[in-house]
Amino acid sequence: MSSTSRARLHPVAIVSLVIGGLIILGALVFLAVLLTSAQTSPNRQATQKLVQWQEIFEKYRSEHGALPDVPAGGYCLGTGFPVGTGGTANCRDYDAPTFYSETASAPLLEALSSVGELPQGISAAVRGTVGPYAVYDDEGVRLLTAEEQTCEAPAVEVWNDGGGLTICQIALTR
């Protein structure tokens, strides 16, 4: 017989180690899920902003029987856009001649605010274009924003510059 002694863990110690390991593993999984959900892509954020604006337009239609009646043209959806051409806060191509001004958008925003709180914030600028913005024309109202490379559903691509800027829209019929 051998006179060497063996160290043995008590069954309670083994169970404690297993439970401790599972708790640590669970905490790591929880942190990974939390970090992944907190890192929403700029494209997803831009589309979520369009969906919020779609909801407020539809709420206005539900309460008034039609979308807000403003002249054909482009309108910034929200406030806080960068100062660009003309020294004004602008959306769309804010630093180019094809911008829409925040100031000129006030009548539309005022009408929409009559049915609820307006979405806050703007989307990330992509190659000099920032949204969200709306275009009123004979076909209806197009809610648009800039996204990189591809559009997130339910927004669909309506234009891209071949260099990373994609214009995405949610269309509303009148």
N, C-alpha and C. Protein backbone atom coordinates (compact mmCIF):
# COMPACT_ATOMS: atom_id res chain seq x y z
N MET A 1 0.83 -1.18 0.00
CA MET A 1 0.00 0.00 0.00
C MET A 1 0.87 1.24 0.00
N SER A 2 0.35 2.24 -0.58
CA SER A 2 1.05 3.51 -0.68
C SER A 2 0.71 4.38 0.51
N SER A 3 1.70 5.07 1.00
CA SER A 3 1.46 5.95 2.14
C SER A 3 1.20 7.39 1.73
N THR A 4 1.12 7.67 0.43
CA THR A 4 0.83 9.04 0.00
C THR A 4 -0.64 9.33 0.18
N SER A 5 -0.90 10.55 0.66
CA SER A 5 -2.30 10.91 0.87
C SER A 5 -2.81 11.71 -0.32
N ARG A 6 -4.05 11.55 -0.55
CA ARG A 6 -4.69 12.26 -1.65
C ARG A 6 -5.60 13.32 -1.07
N ALA A 7 -5.54 14.48 -1.73
CA ALA A 7 -6.46 15.55 -1.32
C ALA A 7 -7.75 15.35 -2.07
N ARG A 8 -8.82 15.36 -1.34
CA ARG A 8 -10.12 15.18 -1.97
C ARG A 8 -11.01 16.33 -1.56
N LEU A 9 -11.78 16.81 -2.54
CA LEU A 9 -12.72 17.88 -2.24
C LEU A 9 -14.00 17.29 -1.68
N HIS A 10 -14.51 17.98 -0.75
CA HIS A 10 -15.78 17.59 -0.16
C HIS A 10 -16.87 17.84 -1.20
N PRO A 11 -17.91 17.01 -1.30
CA PRO A 11 -18.98 17.20 -2.29
C PRO A 11 -19.63 18.59 -2.21
N VAL A 12 -19.72 19.18 -1.06
CA VAL A 12 -20.31 20.52 -0.93
C VAL A 12 -19.41 21.55 -1.62
N ALA A 13 -18.11 21.38 -1.53
CA ALA A 13 -17.17 22.29 -2.18
C ALA A 13 -17.28 22.17 -3.70
N ILE A 14 -17.45 20.97 -4.21
CA ILE A 14 -17.60 20.77 -5.65
C ILE A 14 -18.87 21.45 -6.15
N VAL A 15 -19.96 21.27 -5.45
CA VAL A 15 -21.23 21.91 -5.82
C VAL A 15 -21.08 23.42 -5.79
N SER A 16 -20.41 23.94 -4.79
CA SER A 16 -20.20 25.39 -4.67
C SER A 16 -19.39 25.92 -5.85
N LEU A 17 -18.36 25.20 -6.25
CA LEU A 17 -17.55 25.62 -7.40
C LEU A 17 -18.36 25.61 -8.69
N VAL A 18 -19.15 24.58 -8.89
CA VAL A 18 -19.99 24.48 -10.10
C VAL A 18 -21.00 25.62 -10.14
N ILE A 19 -21.67 25.88 -9.03
CA ILE A 19 -22.65 26.97 -8.97
C ILE A 19 -21.97 28.31 -9.20
N GLY A 20 -20.82 28.54 -8.59
CA GLY A 20 -20.08 29.79 -8.80
C GLY A 20 -19.69 29.97 -10.25
N GLY A 21 -19.24 28.90 -10.89
CA GLY A 21 -18.89 28.95 -12.31
C GLY A 21 -20.09 29.29 -13.18
N LEU A 22 -21.25 28.70 -12.87
CA LEU A 22 -22.47 28.98 -13.64
C LEU A 22 -22.91 30.43 -13.46
N ILE A 23 -22.76 30.95 -12.26
CA ILE A 23 -23.12 32.36 -12.01
C ILE A 23 -22.22 33.29 -12.83
N ILE A 24 -20.93 33.00 -12.84
CA ILE A 24 -19.99 33.83 -13.61
C ILE A 24 -20.29 33.73 -15.10
N LEU A 25 -20.55 32.53 -15.58
CA LEU A 25 -20.89 32.33 -16.99
C LEU A 25 -22.18 33.07 -17.35
N GLY A 26 -23.17 32.99 -16.49
CA GLY A 26 -24.44 33.70 -16.72
C GLY A 26 -24.24 35.20 -16.77
N ALA A 27 -23.39 35.72 -15.88
CA ALA A 27 -23.12 37.16 -15.88
C ALA A 27 -22.43 37.58 -17.17
N LEU A 28 -21.50 36.78 -17.66
CA LEU A 28 -20.82 37.10 -18.92
C LEU A 28 -21.78 37.08 -20.10
N VAL A 29 -22.66 36.11 -20.15
CA VAL A 29 -23.66 36.05 -21.23
C VAL A 29 -24.58 37.27 -21.15
N PHE A 30 -25.02 37.63 -19.96
CA PHE A 30 -25.88 38.79 -19.78
C PHE A 30 -25.19 40.06 -20.28
N LEU A 31 -23.92 40.25 -19.93
CA LEU A 31 -23.17 41.43 -20.39
C LEU A 31 -23.02 41.44 -21.91
N ALA A 32 -22.78 40.30 -22.52
CA ALA A 32 -22.64 40.23 -23.97
C ALA A 32 -23.93 40.63 -24.66
N VAL A 33 -25.05 40.13 -24.16
CA VAL A 33 -26.36 40.48 -24.74
C VAL A 33 -26.64 41.96 -24.54
N LEU A 34 -26.34 42.48 -23.38
CA LEU A 34 -26.57 43.89 -23.09
C LEU A 34 -25.73 44.79 -24.01
N LEU A 35 -24.48 44.46 -24.19
CA LEU A 35 -23.61 45.26 -25.07
C LEU A 35 -24.04 45.16 -26.52
N THR A 36 -24.45 44.00 -26.97
CA THR A 36 -24.89 43.83 -28.35
C THR A 36 -26.14 44.65 -28.62
N SER A 37 -27.10 44.65 -27.72
CA SER A 37 -28.34 45.40 -27.94
C SER A 37 -28.11 46.90 -27.83
N ALA A 38 -27.10 47.31 -27.05
CA ALA A 38 -26.82 48.74 -26.90
C ALA A 38 -26.11 49.31 -28.11
N GLN A 39 -25.48 48.46 -28.90
CA GLN A 39 -24.73 48.91 -30.05
C GLN A 39 -25.58 48.82 -31.32
N THR A 40 -26.68 49.57 -31.37
CA THR A 40 -27.54 49.58 -32.53
C THR A 40 -26.83 50.35 -33.64
N SER A 41 -26.86 49.81 -34.82
CA SER A 41 -26.16 50.44 -35.94
C SER A 41 -26.81 51.78 -36.30
N PRO A 42 -26.01 52.69 -36.86
CA PRO A 42 -26.58 53.97 -37.30
C PRO A 42 -27.70 53.79 -38.33
N ASN A 43 -27.58 52.78 -39.21
CA ASN A 43 -28.65 52.53 -40.18
C ASN A 43 -29.94 52.13 -39.49
N ARG A 44 -29.84 51.25 -38.52
CA ARG A 44 -31.03 50.81 -37.78
C ARG A 44 -31.65 52.00 -37.03
N GLN A 45 -30.80 52.83 -36.44
CA GLN A 45 -31.31 54.01 -35.72
C GLN A 45 -32.02 54.95 -36.68
N ALA A 46 -31.45 55.16 -37.88
CA ALA A 46 -32.07 56.05 -38.86
C ALA A 46 -33.43 55.51 -39.30
N THR A 47 -33.51 54.21 -39.53
CA THR A 47 -34.79 53.61 -39.93
C THR A 47 -35.80 53.68 -38.79
N GLN A 48 -35.35 53.43 -37.57
CA GLN A 48 -36.26 53.52 -36.42
C GLN A 48 -36.83 54.93 -36.30
N LYS A 49 -36.01 55.94 -36.59
CA LYS A 49 -36.47 57.32 -36.57
C LYS A 49 -37.54 57.54 -37.64
N LEU A 50 -37.35 56.98 -38.84
CA LEU A 50 -38.38 57.09 -39.90
C LEU A 50 -39.69 56.44 -39.46
N VAL A 51 -39.59 55.28 -38.83
CA VAL A 51 -40.79 54.59 -38.37
C VAL A 51 -41.53 55.44 -37.32
N GLN A 52 -40.79 56.09 -36.43
CA GLN A 52 -41.43 56.97 -35.44
C GLN A 52 -42.17 58.12 -36.13
N TRP A 53 -41.55 58.69 -37.16
CA TRP A 53 -42.21 59.76 -37.90
C TRP A 53 -43.42 59.23 -38.67
N GLN A 54 -43.31 58.04 -39.23
CA GLN A 54 -44.45 57.43 -39.91
C GLN A 54 -45.63 57.29 -38.94
N GLU A 55 -45.36 56.88 -37.73
CA GLU A 55 -46.41 56.71 -36.72
C GLU A 55 -47.10 58.03 -36.41
N ILE A 56 -46.33 59.13 -36.29
CA ILE A 56 -46.95 60.41 -35.97
C ILE A 56 -47.74 60.95 -37.16
N PHE A 57 -47.26 60.73 -38.39
CA PHE A 57 -48.03 61.11 -39.59
C PHE A 57 -49.34 60.33 -39.64
N GLU A 58 -49.28 59.03 -39.36
CA GLU A 58 -50.51 58.20 -39.40
C GLU A 58 -51.46 58.58 -38.27
N LYS A 59 -50.93 58.95 -37.14
CA LYS A 59 -51.79 59.41 -36.04
C LYS A 59 -52.50 60.71 -36.45
N TYR A 60 -51.78 61.59 -37.11
CA TYR A 60 -52.38 62.84 -37.60
C TYR A 60 -53.49 62.50 -38.60
N ARG A 61 -53.22 61.58 -39.53
CA ARG A 61 -54.23 61.18 -40.51
C ARG A 61 -55.46 60.59 -39.82
N SER A 62 -55.23 59.78 -38.81
CA SER A 62 -56.34 59.15 -38.08
C SER A 62 -57.22 60.20 -37.40
N GLU A 63 -56.61 61.22 -36.81
CA GLU A 63 -57.37 62.23 -36.08
C GLU A 63 -57.96 63.33 -36.97
N HIS A 64 -57.34 63.58 -38.14
CA HIS A 64 -57.79 64.69 -39.01
C HIS A 64 -58.33 64.24 -40.35
N GLY A 65 -58.27 62.95 -40.66
CA GLY A 65 -58.80 62.44 -41.91
C GLY A 65 -57.86 62.60 -43.10
N ALA A 66 -56.72 63.22 -42.93
CA ALA A 66 -55.74 63.41 -44.00
C ALA A 66 -54.38 63.74 -43.38
N LEU A 67 -53.36 63.63 -44.19
CA LEU A 67 -52.03 64.04 -43.74
C LEU A 67 -51.98 65.56 -43.66
N PRO A 68 -51.03 66.13 -42.93
CA PRO A 68 -50.94 67.59 -42.84
C PRO A 68 -50.87 68.21 -44.24
N ASP A 69 -51.58 69.31 -44.42
CA ASP A 69 -51.65 69.98 -45.72
C ASP A 69 -50.60 71.10 -45.77
N VAL A 70 -49.49 70.81 -46.42
CA VAL A 70 -48.44 71.80 -46.62
C VAL A 70 -48.08 71.79 -48.11
N PRO A 71 -47.48 72.88 -48.61
CA PRO A 71 -47.11 72.93 -50.02
C PRO A 71 -46.11 71.84 -50.40
N ALA A 72 -46.09 71.49 -51.68
CA ALA A 72 -45.12 70.52 -52.19
C ALA A 72 -43.71 71.03 -51.88
N GLY A 73 -42.84 70.11 -51.54
CA GLY A 73 -41.46 70.49 -51.24
C GLY A 73 -40.87 69.61 -50.16
N GLY A 74 -39.70 70.01 -49.67
CA GLY A 74 -38.98 69.24 -48.68
C GLY A 74 -39.02 69.89 -47.31
N TYR A 75 -39.08 69.05 -46.28
CA TYR A 75 -39.22 69.51 -44.89
C TYR A 75 -38.34 68.67 -43.98
N CYS A 76 -37.63 69.34 -43.08
CA CYS A 76 -36.86 68.65 -42.04
C CYS A 76 -37.84 68.06 -41.03
N LEU A 77 -37.57 66.84 -40.61
CA LEU A 77 -38.39 66.21 -39.57
C LEU A 77 -37.61 66.26 -38.27
N GLY A 78 -37.93 67.26 -37.46
CA GLY A 78 -37.26 67.42 -36.19
C GLY A 78 -36.43 68.69 -36.14
N THR A 79 -35.64 68.78 -35.11
CA THR A 79 -34.77 69.93 -34.90
C THR A 79 -33.39 69.44 -34.48
N GLY A 80 -32.44 70.36 -34.51
CA GLY A 80 -31.09 70.00 -34.12
C GLY A 80 -30.19 69.64 -35.29
N PHE A 81 -30.60 70.01 -36.50
CA PHE A 81 -29.78 69.71 -37.67
C PHE A 81 -28.55 70.61 -37.71
N PRO A 82 -27.52 70.19 -38.44
CA PRO A 82 -26.30 71.00 -38.49
C PRO A 82 -26.51 72.31 -39.25
N VAL A 83 -25.76 73.31 -38.87
CA VAL A 83 -25.79 74.58 -39.58
C VAL A 83 -24.97 74.40 -40.85
N GLY A 84 -25.57 74.79 -41.96
CA GLY A 84 -24.90 74.60 -43.25
C GLY A 84 -25.08 75.81 -44.14
N THR A 85 -25.40 75.57 -45.38
CA THR A 85 -25.56 76.62 -46.38
C THR A 85 -26.54 77.67 -45.86
N GLY A 86 -26.19 78.93 -46.09
CA GLY A 86 -27.05 80.03 -45.66
C GLY A 86 -26.96 80.35 -44.18
N GLY A 87 -26.10 79.62 -43.46
CA GLY A 87 -25.98 79.85 -42.02
C GLY A 87 -27.19 79.39 -41.24
N THR A 88 -27.98 78.47 -41.81
CA THR A 88 -29.19 77.97 -41.15
C THR A 88 -29.03 76.49 -40.82
N ALA A 89 -29.86 76.01 -39.90
CA ALA A 89 -29.90 74.58 -39.58
C ALA A 89 -30.66 73.90 -40.71
N ASN A 90 -30.01 72.90 -41.34
CA ASN A 90 -30.55 72.28 -42.55
C ASN A 90 -30.52 70.77 -42.47
N CYS A 91 -31.46 70.14 -43.16
CA CYS A 91 -31.43 68.70 -43.35
C CYS A 91 -31.21 68.42 -44.84
N ARG A 92 -31.25 67.17 -45.20
CA ARG A 92 -30.90 66.67 -46.53
C ARG A 92 -29.43 66.99 -46.77
N ASP A 93 -29.08 67.68 -47.83
CA ASP A 93 -27.69 68.03 -48.11
C ASP A 93 -27.40 69.36 -47.44
N TYR A 94 -27.21 69.32 -46.13
CA TYR A 94 -27.19 70.53 -45.29
C TYR A 94 -26.15 71.57 -45.69
N ASP A 95 -25.08 71.16 -46.34
CA ASP A 95 -24.02 72.11 -46.67
C ASP A 95 -23.92 72.32 -48.19
N ALA A 96 -25.00 72.04 -48.91
CA ALA A 96 -25.03 72.17 -50.37
C ALA A 96 -26.27 73.00 -50.75
N PRO A 97 -26.41 73.36 -52.00
CA PRO A 97 -27.57 74.16 -52.43
C PRO A 97 -28.91 73.41 -52.40
N THR A 98 -28.89 72.09 -52.18
CA THR A 98 -30.12 71.30 -52.22
C THR A 98 -30.64 70.96 -50.82
N PHE A 99 -30.44 71.86 -49.85
CA PHE A 99 -30.85 71.61 -48.47
C PHE A 99 -32.32 72.00 -48.26
N TYR A 100 -32.87 71.50 -47.14
CA TYR A 100 -34.16 71.96 -46.62
C TYR A 100 -33.85 72.58 -45.27
N SER A 101 -34.48 73.71 -44.97
CA SER A 101 -34.15 74.37 -43.71
C SER A 101 -35.12 73.97 -42.61
N GLU A 102 -34.57 73.93 -41.42
CA GLU A 102 -35.36 73.64 -40.22
C GLU A 102 -36.45 74.70 -40.03
N THR A 103 -36.11 75.95 -40.27
CA THR A 103 -37.06 77.05 -40.08
C THR A 103 -38.26 76.92 -41.00
N ALA A 104 -38.03 76.59 -42.27
CA ALA A 104 -39.13 76.46 -43.23
C ALA A 104 -40.01 75.25 -42.93
N SER A 105 -39.54 74.34 -42.10
CA SER A 105 -40.29 73.13 -41.76
C SER A 105 -41.24 73.33 -40.59
N ALA A 106 -41.18 74.48 -39.94
CA ALA A 106 -41.97 74.73 -38.73
C ALA A 106 -43.47 74.49 -38.90
N PRO A 107 -44.11 74.92 -40.01
CA PRO A 107 -45.57 74.67 -40.14
C PRO A 107 -45.93 73.18 -40.12
N LEU A 108 -45.13 72.35 -40.77
CA LEU A 108 -45.39 70.90 -40.75
C LEU A 108 -45.21 70.35 -39.35
N LEU A 109 -44.14 70.73 -38.69
CA LEU A 109 -43.87 70.22 -37.34
C LEU A 109 -44.94 70.67 -36.37
N GLU A 110 -45.42 71.90 -36.53
CA GLU A 110 -46.49 72.40 -35.66
C GLU A 110 -47.76 71.59 -35.85
N ALA A 111 -48.11 71.30 -37.10
CA ALA A 111 -49.31 70.50 -37.37
C ALA A 111 -49.17 69.11 -36.74
N LEU A 112 -48.04 68.46 -36.94
CA LEU A 112 -47.83 67.12 -36.40
C LEU A 112 -47.82 67.12 -34.88
N SER A 113 -47.31 68.17 -34.27
CA SER A 113 -47.25 68.22 -32.80
C SER A 113 -48.63 68.34 -32.18
N SER A 114 -49.64 68.65 -32.98
CA SER A 114 -51.00 68.75 -32.45
C SER A 114 -51.57 67.38 -32.06
N VAL A 115 -50.92 66.29 -32.50
CA VAL A 115 -51.44 64.96 -32.18
C VAL A 115 -50.54 64.17 -31.23
N GLY A 116 -49.43 64.75 -30.84
CA GLY A 116 -48.55 64.04 -29.92
C GLY A 116 -47.14 64.58 -29.94
N GLU A 117 -46.34 64.01 -29.09
CA GLU A 117 -44.95 64.44 -28.98
C GLU A 117 -44.17 63.97 -30.22
N LEU A 118 -43.39 64.87 -30.78
CA LEU A 118 -42.63 64.55 -31.97
C LEU A 118 -41.36 63.78 -31.61
N PRO A 119 -40.94 62.87 -32.49
CA PRO A 119 -39.68 62.16 -32.25
C PRO A 119 -38.53 63.16 -32.13
N GLN A 120 -37.57 62.82 -31.30
CA GLN A 120 -36.42 63.69 -31.05
C GLN A 120 -35.18 63.14 -31.74
N GLY A 121 -34.28 64.04 -32.08
CA GLY A 121 -32.99 63.64 -32.63
C GLY A 121 -32.98 63.52 -34.14
N ILE A 122 -31.77 63.47 -34.66
CA ILE A 122 -31.57 63.34 -36.09
C ILE A 122 -30.74 62.09 -36.34
N SER A 123 -30.67 61.68 -37.60
CA SER A 123 -29.85 60.52 -37.92
C SER A 123 -28.41 60.95 -38.18
N ALA A 124 -27.52 60.01 -38.20
CA ALA A 124 -26.11 60.30 -38.46
C ALA A 124 -25.93 60.76 -39.90
N ALA A 125 -25.10 61.77 -40.08
CA ALA A 125 -24.82 62.26 -41.43
C ALA A 125 -24.02 61.21 -42.21
N VAL A 126 -24.38 61.05 -43.47
CA VAL A 126 -23.65 60.15 -44.36
C VAL A 126 -23.26 60.95 -45.59
N ARG A 127 -21.97 61.17 -45.76
CA ARG A 127 -21.43 61.88 -46.93
C ARG A 127 -22.15 63.20 -47.18
N GLY A 128 -22.39 63.97 -46.12
CA GLY A 128 -22.98 65.30 -46.24
C GLY A 128 -24.50 65.33 -46.30
N THR A 129 -25.15 64.20 -46.08
CA THR A 129 -26.61 64.14 -46.10
C THR A 129 -27.09 63.66 -44.74
N VAL A 130 -28.10 64.36 -44.19
CA VAL A 130 -28.62 64.02 -42.88
C VAL A 130 -30.14 64.08 -42.92
N GLY A 131 -30.77 63.21 -42.18
CA GLY A 131 -32.23 63.16 -42.10
C GLY A 131 -32.63 63.03 -40.66
N PRO A 132 -33.88 62.79 -40.43
CA PRO A 132 -34.91 62.48 -41.42
C PRO A 132 -35.51 63.75 -42.02
N TYR A 133 -36.09 63.57 -43.21
CA TYR A 133 -36.78 64.67 -43.86
C TYR A 133 -37.94 64.08 -44.67
N ALA A 134 -38.87 64.95 -45.03
CA ALA A 134 -40.05 64.52 -45.79
C ALA A 134 -40.11 65.31 -47.09
N VAL A 135 -40.58 64.65 -48.13
CA VAL A 135 -40.82 65.32 -49.41
C VAL A 135 -42.29 65.11 -49.75
N TYR A 136 -42.99 66.24 -49.89
CA TYR A 136 -44.39 66.25 -50.34
C TYR A 136 -44.39 66.44 -51.85
N ASP A 137 -45.09 65.57 -52.57
CA ASP A 137 -45.26 65.73 -54.01
C ASP A 137 -46.62 65.16 -54.41
N ASP A 138 -46.90 65.12 -55.71
CA ASP A 138 -48.21 64.66 -56.19
C ASP A 138 -48.51 63.22 -55.81
N GLU A 139 -47.48 62.41 -55.65
CA GLU A 139 -47.68 60.99 -55.35
C GLU A 139 -47.98 60.72 -53.88
N GLY A 140 -47.57 61.62 -53.00
CA GLY A 140 -47.78 61.41 -51.57
C GLY A 140 -46.71 62.09 -50.76
N VAL A 141 -46.37 61.46 -49.65
CA VAL A 141 -45.35 61.98 -48.76
C VAL A 141 -44.30 60.88 -48.60
N ARG A 142 -43.06 61.26 -48.88
CA ARG A 142 -41.97 60.31 -48.71
C ARG A 142 -41.14 60.73 -47.50
N LEU A 143 -40.98 59.82 -46.56
CA LEU A 143 -40.14 60.04 -45.39
C LEU A 143 -38.77 59.44 -45.73
N LEU A 144 -37.73 60.27 -45.67
CA LEU A 144 -36.42 59.87 -46.16
C LEU A 144 -35.32 60.09 -45.13
N THR A 145 -34.25 59.32 -45.28
CA THR A 145 -33.06 59.50 -44.46
C THR A 145 -31.86 58.94 -45.19
N ALA A 146 -30.68 59.30 -44.74
CA ALA A 146 -29.43 58.79 -45.30
C ALA A 146 -28.96 57.60 -44.48
N GLU A 147 -28.52 56.56 -45.18
CA GLU A 147 -27.94 55.40 -44.52
C GLU A 147 -26.71 54.97 -45.31
N GLU A 148 -25.83 54.22 -44.66
CA GLU A 148 -24.60 53.76 -45.31
C GLU A 148 -24.83 52.42 -46.00
N GLN A 149 -24.51 52.35 -47.26
CA GLN A 149 -24.51 51.15 -48.08
C GLN A 149 -25.91 50.57 -48.37
N THR A 150 -26.65 50.17 -47.34
CA THR A 150 -27.94 49.53 -47.55
C THR A 150 -28.98 50.10 -46.58
N CYS A 151 -30.24 49.90 -46.91
CA CYS A 151 -31.34 50.36 -46.06
C CYS A 151 -31.78 49.23 -45.14
N GLU A 152 -32.19 49.61 -43.95
CA GLU A 152 -32.78 48.67 -43.00
C GLU A 152 -34.29 48.62 -43.25
N ALA A 153 -34.87 47.43 -43.28
CA ALA A 153 -36.32 47.30 -43.44
C ALA A 153 -37.01 47.90 -42.21
N PRO A 154 -38.14 48.53 -42.37
CA PRO A 154 -39.03 48.58 -43.53
C PRO A 154 -38.69 49.69 -44.53
N ALA A 155 -37.64 50.47 -44.31
CA ALA A 155 -37.25 51.48 -45.28
C ALA A 155 -36.69 50.78 -46.52
N VAL A 156 -36.90 51.41 -47.68
CA VAL A 156 -36.41 50.84 -48.93
C VAL A 156 -35.52 51.86 -49.64
N GLU A 157 -34.58 51.35 -50.40
CA GLU A 157 -33.66 52.22 -51.13
C GLU A 157 -34.37 52.91 -52.29
N VAL A 158 -34.13 54.23 -52.42
CA VAL A 158 -34.64 54.97 -53.56
C VAL A 158 -33.52 55.58 -54.39
N TRP A 159 -32.30 55.65 -53.81
CA TRP A 159 -31.18 56.24 -54.53
C TRP A 159 -29.90 55.92 -53.78
N ASN A 160 -28.79 55.79 -54.52
CA ASN A 160 -27.49 55.71 -53.89
C ASN A 160 -26.46 56.36 -54.80
N ASP A 161 -25.38 56.85 -54.22
CA ASP A 161 -24.37 57.56 -54.99
C ASP A 161 -23.23 56.67 -55.44
N GLY A 162 -23.31 55.38 -55.13
CA GLY A 162 -22.26 54.46 -55.51
C GLY A 162 -21.02 54.56 -54.62
N GLY A 163 -21.04 55.47 -53.66
CA GLY A 163 -19.88 55.66 -52.79
C GLY A 163 -20.19 55.44 -51.33
N GLY A 164 -21.33 54.87 -51.02
CA GLY A 164 -21.67 54.58 -49.63
C GLY A 164 -22.92 55.26 -49.13
N LEU A 165 -23.36 56.34 -49.80
CA LEU A 165 -24.58 57.04 -49.39
C LEU A 165 -25.79 56.40 -50.05
N THR A 166 -26.74 55.97 -49.24
CA THR A 166 -27.99 55.41 -49.73
C THR A 166 -29.12 56.22 -49.13
N ILE A 167 -30.08 56.63 -49.94
CA ILE A 167 -31.25 57.33 -49.45
C ILE A 167 -32.36 56.29 -49.32
N CYS A 168 -32.92 56.20 -48.13
CA CYS A 168 -33.92 55.22 -47.78
C CYS A 168 -35.24 55.91 -47.48
N GLN A 169 -36.34 55.26 -47.81
CA GLN A 169 -37.63 55.91 -47.60
C GLN A 169 -38.70 54.96 -47.09
N ILE A 170 -39.68 55.57 -46.46
CA ILE A 170 -40.96 54.97 -46.16
C ILE A 170 -41.98 55.89 -46.81
N ALA A 171 -42.77 55.36 -47.73
CA ALA A 171 -43.72 56.17 -48.48
C ALA A 171 -45.10 56.13 -47.85
N LEU A 172 -45.75 57.28 -47.82
CA LEU A 172 -47.13 57.42 -47.34
C LEU A 172 -47.99 57.88 -48.51
N THR A 173 -49.13 57.26 -48.70
CA THR A 173 -50.05 57.75 -49.73
C THR A 173 -50.98 58.78 -49.13
N ARG A 174 -51.45 59.67 -49.98
CA ARG A 174 -52.37 60.70 -49.48
C ARG A 174 -53.77 60.19 -49.46
